[in-house]
């Protein structure tokens, strides 16, 4: 019996550790997705004046696009294939064309973060985007997907073993406690995010657009931990309620036998 309980505790510990690793890699997987990078990079590029930079080239580019719909458009000073044909922007307004170029630029850099040989003026302008995609890029995203799937499989093995060895309603409370333990970083992340946001607000030159981009990134992480906490507390409540009901049922049956 003692060996059984010890084995159950071991599997509970390994389940908690593997779940923590799984959640961490899953959060990184989400943060390195194209949608996340675009939602963060787009307002940042707008803030550093890239939109006005694109607009300055709008008249000659749109004229070329309308004259030759099949021409492949290359952005001046940027040796990167954005996969834009003349027909794609021929009927777009200046603002719409700017947004389209920015979206294609983010996608191209996200796909090929290490294959850029930029001139000094382009390096200075696109530096923030290149820096972000050195780590948060498509290759990293795919690697994290594989790691996450492996960790999910390992976590499920530990969870099954932990539940199998747990008696009665501890099959609920045990995993519930593990989920709450892994979800506790939510409290720390909320506190740290407030510190970061307050410091950024105190800095001069940082606009609300950039702050909102940072805020959206933080909220993506916090939602996952919130789900874990809610699920963990739900399992604990179910387990404790079951234990109370089972205990009361045992008392009632004992009184009847008397």
Protein backbone atom coordinates (compact mmCIF):
# COMPACT_ATOMS: atom_id res chain seq x y z
CA UNK A 1 0.00 0.00 0.00
CA UNK A 2 2.85 2.37 0.87
CA UNK A 3 4.57 1.59 -2.43
CA UNK A 4 1.27 2.20 -4.23
CA UNK A 5 0.89 5.67 -2.65
CA UNK A 6 4.53 6.52 -3.35
CA UNK A 7 4.13 5.53 -6.99
CA UNK A 8 0.97 7.63 -7.22
CA UNK A 9 2.84 10.66 -5.83
CA UNK A 10 5.65 10.15 -8.31
CA UNK A 11 3.22 10.09 -11.22
CA UNK A 12 1.44 13.13 -9.79
CA UNK A 13 4.73 15.02 -9.63
CA UNK A 14 5.77 14.00 -13.14
CA UNK A 15 2.30 14.92 -14.45
CA UNK A 16 2.58 18.40 -12.91
CA UNK A 17 6.08 18.97 -14.32
CA UNK A 18 5.19 17.70 -17.80
CA UNK A 19 1.97 19.74 -17.80
CA UNK A 20 3.94 22.87 -16.90
CA UNK A 21 6.39 22.18 -19.74
CA UNK A 22 3.50 21.46 -22.10
CA UNK A 23 1.68 24.70 -21.26
CA UNK A 24 4.89 26.72 -21.59
CA UNK A 25 5.72 25.35 -25.04
CA UNK A 26 2.08 25.71 -26.13
CA UNK A 27 2.12 29.38 -25.14
CA UNK A 28 5.35 29.86 -27.10
CA UNK A 29 3.77 28.00 -30.02
CA UNK A 30 0.86 30.45 -29.99
CA UNK A 31 3.10 33.49 -29.61
CA UNK A 32 5.25 32.43 -32.57
CA UNK A 33 2.28 31.96 -34.91
CA UNK A 34 1.96 34.27 -37.90
CA UNK A 35 -1.23 35.77 -36.47
CA UNK A 36 0.52 36.72 -33.22
CA UNK A 37 3.55 38.18 -35.00
CA UNK A 38 1.33 40.16 -37.34
CA UNK A 39 -0.85 41.53 -34.53
CA UNK A 40 2.28 42.75 -32.73
CA UNK A 41 4.43 43.85 -35.68
CA UNK A 42 1.73 45.70 -37.61
CA UNK A 43 1.14 48.49 -35.06
CA UNK A 44 4.87 48.69 -34.35
CA UNK A 45 5.67 49.21 -38.05
CA UNK A 46 2.91 51.80 -38.23
CA UNK A 47 4.39 53.54 -35.22
CA UNK A 48 7.94 53.76 -36.62
CA UNK A 49 6.61 55.44 -39.74
CA UNK A 50 6.75 52.56 -42.20
CA UNK A 51 3.27 53.38 -43.50
CA UNK A 52 4.36 56.87 -44.55
CA UNK A 53 7.50 55.32 -46.05
CA UNK A 54 5.32 53.03 -48.20
CA UNK A 55 2.99 55.88 -49.13
CA UNK A 56 5.89 57.90 -50.50
CA UNK A 57 6.35 55.22 -53.18
CA UNK A 58 2.62 54.82 -53.84
CA UNK A 59 2.26 56.94 -57.05
CA UNK A 60 4.98 55.22 -59.16
CA UNK A 61 4.14 51.74 -57.83
CA UNK A 62 0.41 52.05 -58.44
CA UNK A 63 1.03 53.43 -61.91
CA UNK A 64 3.26 50.47 -62.75
CA UNK A 65 0.69 48.06 -61.28
CA UNK A 66 -2.11 49.46 -63.45
CA UNK A 67 0.00 49.42 -66.60
CA UNK A 68 1.19 45.85 -66.07
CA UNK A 69 -1.09 43.74 -63.81
CA UNK A 70 1.21 40.69 -64.06
CA UNK A 71 4.42 42.45 -63.01
CA UNK A 72 6.05 41.28 -59.77
CA UNK A 73 6.48 44.31 -57.54
CA UNK A 74 9.71 44.70 -55.60
CA UNK A 75 9.80 47.20 -52.80
CA UNK A 76 12.59 49.78 -53.22
CA UNK A 77 15.61 49.05 -51.02
CA UNK A 78 14.26 45.70 -49.81
CA UNK A 79 15.82 42.58 -51.44
CA UNK A 80 12.91 40.33 -50.49
CA UNK A 81 10.22 38.71 -52.62
CA UNK A 82 6.90 39.91 -51.22
CA UNK A 83 4.92 37.86 -53.77
CA UNK A 84 2.90 40.89 -54.90
CA UNK A 85 1.56 41.20 -58.45
CA UNK A 86 0.39 44.42 -60.03
CA UNK A 87 -3.20 43.17 -60.09
CA UNK A 88 -3.11 42.72 -56.30
CA UNK A 89 -2.85 46.44 -55.59
CA UNK A 90 -4.00 48.08 -58.84
CA UNK A 91 -7.38 49.06 -57.40
CA UNK A 92 -6.30 49.75 -53.84
CA UNK A 93 -6.26 53.16 -52.23
CA UNK A 94 -3.07 54.56 -50.72
CA UNK A 95 -4.02 53.42 -47.21
CA UNK A 96 -5.17 49.97 -48.39
CA UNK A 97 -1.97 49.48 -50.43
CA UNK A 98 0.10 50.46 -47.40
CA UNK A 99 -1.62 47.88 -45.19
CA UNK A 100 -1.24 45.26 -47.92
CA UNK A 101 2.50 45.90 -48.28
CA UNK A 102 3.00 45.79 -44.51
CA UNK A 103 1.12 42.47 -44.21
CA UNK A 104 3.19 40.92 -47.02
CA UNK A 105 6.41 42.27 -45.54
CA UNK A 106 5.65 40.70 -42.15
CA UNK A 107 4.80 37.38 -43.77
CA UNK A 108 7.94 37.35 -45.93
CA UNK A 109 10.26 38.19 -43.02
CA UNK A 110 8.44 35.67 -40.80
CA UNK A 111 9.07 32.94 -43.39
CA UNK A 112 12.70 33.90 -44.13
CA UNK A 113 14.09 35.65 -41.03
CA UNK A 114 17.68 34.60 -41.60
CA UNK A 115 17.88 35.05 -45.35
CA UNK A 116 17.96 38.84 -45.51
CA UNK A 117 20.92 40.88 -46.65
CA UNK A 118 19.67 44.41 -46.11
CA UNK A 119 21.43 47.66 -46.97
CA UNK A 120 22.19 49.93 -43.97
CA UNK A 121 19.19 52.22 -44.54
CA UNK A 122 16.80 49.27 -44.78
CA UNK A 123 18.41 47.57 -41.75
CA UNK A 124 17.77 50.69 -39.70
CA UNK A 125 14.13 50.91 -40.78
CA UNK A 126 13.21 47.24 -40.59
CA UNK A 127 15.46 46.45 -37.62
CA UNK A 128 12.64 45.99 -35.04
CA UNK A 129 10.78 43.55 -37.28
CA UNK A 130 13.93 41.58 -38.14
CA UNK A 131 14.89 41.40 -34.45
CA UNK A 132 11.49 39.99 -33.45
CA UNK A 133 11.49 37.38 -36.21
CA UNK A 134 15.00 36.14 -35.38
CA UNK A 135 13.34 34.07 -32.65
CA UNK A 136 9.60 34.32 -33.35
CA UNK A 137 9.48 32.88 -36.85
CA UNK A 138 7.98 30.05 -38.88
CA UNK A 139 10.80 27.56 -38.21
CA UNK A 140 10.58 28.14 -34.46
CA UNK A 141 6.79 27.86 -34.66
CA UNK A 142 6.97 24.46 -36.39
CA UNK A 143 9.62 23.18 -33.97
CA UNK A 144 7.46 24.20 -31.01
CA UNK A 145 4.48 22.44 -32.59
CA UNK A 146 6.38 19.13 -32.65
CA UNK A 147 7.67 19.62 -29.09
CA UNK A 148 4.17 20.49 -27.86
CA UNK A 149 2.65 17.37 -29.45
CA UNK A 150 5.32 15.16 -27.85
CA UNK A 151 4.77 16.80 -24.45
CA UNK A 152 1.00 16.37 -24.76
CA UNK A 153 1.49 12.63 -25.35
CA UNK A 154 3.87 12.34 -22.37
CA UNK A 155 1.52 14.37 -20.15
CA UNK A 156 -1.43 12.16 -21.05
CA UNK A 157 0.56 9.04 -20.08
CA UNK A 158 1.41 10.54 -16.70
CA UNK A 159 -2.17 11.73 -16.23
CA UNK A 160 -3.62 8.30 -17.00
CA UNK A 161 -1.18 6.63 -14.61
CA UNK A 162 -1.87 9.20 -11.89
CA UNK A 163 -5.64 8.84 -12.19
CA UNK A 164 -5.44 5.04 -12.38
CA UNK A 165 -3.46 4.84 -9.12
CA UNK A 166 -5.62 7.40 -7.29
CA UNK A 167 -8.46 6.11 -5.08
CA UNK A 168 -12.06 7.14 -5.60
CA UNK A 169 -12.59 10.89 -5.72
CA UNK A 170 -8.89 11.66 -5.57
CA UNK A 171 -9.04 10.86 -9.26
CA UNK A 172 -10.56 14.35 -9.50
CA UNK A 173 -8.82 16.26 -6.72
CA UNK A 174 -5.31 15.03 -7.61
CA UNK A 175 -5.29 16.31 -11.21
CA UNK A 176 -7.22 19.38 -10.06
CA UNK A 177 -4.48 20.35 -7.60
CA UNK A 178 -1.87 19.85 -10.34
CA UNK A 179 -3.82 22.09 -12.73
CA UNK A 180 -4.11 24.82 -10.09
CA UNK A 181 -0.38 24.58 -9.34
CA UNK A 182 0.46 25.01 -13.03
CA UNK A 183 -2.10 27.80 -13.42
CA UNK A 184 -0.78 29.84 -10.49
CA UNK A 185 1.70 31.77 -12.71
CA UNK A 186 -1.40 33.65 -13.89
CA UNK A 187 -1.31 35.65 -10.65
CA UNK A 188 2.38 36.45 -11.13
CA UNK A 189 1.88 37.32 -14.81
CA UNK A 190 -0.94 39.75 -13.97
CA UNK A 191 1.25 41.45 -11.38
CA UNK A 192 4.31 41.58 -13.65
CA UNK A 193 2.27 42.79 -16.63
CA UNK A 194 1.02 45.72 -14.56
CA UNK A 195 4.60 46.62 -13.63
CA UNK A 196 5.71 46.38 -17.28
CA UNK A 197 2.77 48.43 -18.56
CA UNK A 198 3.28 51.12 -15.91
CA UNK A 199 6.97 51.39 -16.75
CA UNK A 200 6.18 51.61 -20.45
CA UNK A 201 3.59 54.32 -19.79
CA UNK A 202 6.23 56.27 -17.87
CA UNK A 203 8.61 56.11 -20.85
CA UNK A 204 8.44 58.99 -23.28
CA UNK A 205 7.92 58.20 -26.94
CA UNK A 206 5.94 54.98 -26.46
CA UNK A 207 2.48 55.34 -27.94
CA UNK A 208 -0.77 53.67 -26.95
CA UNK A 209 -0.64 51.64 -30.19
CA UNK A 210 2.54 49.86 -29.10
CA UNK A 211 1.17 49.42 -25.57
CA UNK A 212 -1.96 47.78 -26.93
CA UNK A 213 0.20 45.41 -29.00
CA UNK A 214 2.17 44.40 -25.90
CA UNK A 215 -1.04 44.06 -23.93
CA UNK A 216 -2.54 41.69 -26.51
CA UNK A 217 0.55 39.46 -26.32
CA UNK A 218 0.34 39.28 -22.51
CA UNK A 219 -3.40 38.53 -22.60
CA UNK A 220 -2.80 35.56 -24.93
CA UNK A 221 -0.62 33.95 -22.26
CA UNK A 222 -2.91 34.82 -19.35
CA UNK A 223 -5.98 33.22 -20.94
CA UNK A 224 -4.33 29.79 -21.00
CA UNK A 225 -3.42 29.97 -17.30
CA UNK A 226 -6.93 31.18 -16.46
CA UNK A 227 -8.46 28.13 -18.16
CA UNK A 228 -6.15 25.84 -16.18
CA UNK A 229 -7.11 27.50 -12.89
CA UNK A 230 -10.83 27.27 -13.59
CA UNK A 231 -10.60 23.63 -14.69
CA UNK A 232 -8.42 22.77 -11.69
CA UNK A 233 -10.77 24.35 -9.15
CA UNK A 234 -13.74 22.66 -10.84
CA UNK A 235 -12.14 19.23 -10.51
CA UNK A 236 -11.24 19.90 -6.86
CA UNK A 237 -14.82 20.95 -6.07
CA UNK A 238 -16.20 17.84 -7.83
CA UNK A 239 -13.79 15.59 -5.93
CA UNK A 240 -14.46 17.16 -2.54
CA UNK A 241 -18.22 17.14 -3.10
CA UNK A 242 -18.03 13.47 -4.06
CA UNK A 243 -16.04 12.64 -0.92
CA UNK A 244 -18.62 14.41 1.28
CA UNK A 245 -21.54 12.66 -0.42
CA UNK A 246 -19.82 9.27 -0.17
CA UNK A 247 -19.00 9.86 3.52
CA UNK A 248 -22.59 10.92 4.34
CA UNK A 249 -23.91 7.91 2.46
CA UNK A 250 -21.67 5.64 4.54
CA UNK A 251 -22.92 7.26 7.78
CA UNK A 252 -26.55 6.78 6.72
CA UNK A 253 -25.99 3.12 5.92
CA UNK A 254 -24.24 2.61 9.29
CA UNK A 255 -27.19 4.12 11.15
CA UNK A 256 -29.61 1.86 9.32
CA UNK A 257 -27.63 -1.23 10.32
CA UNK A 258 -27.91 -0.18 13.98
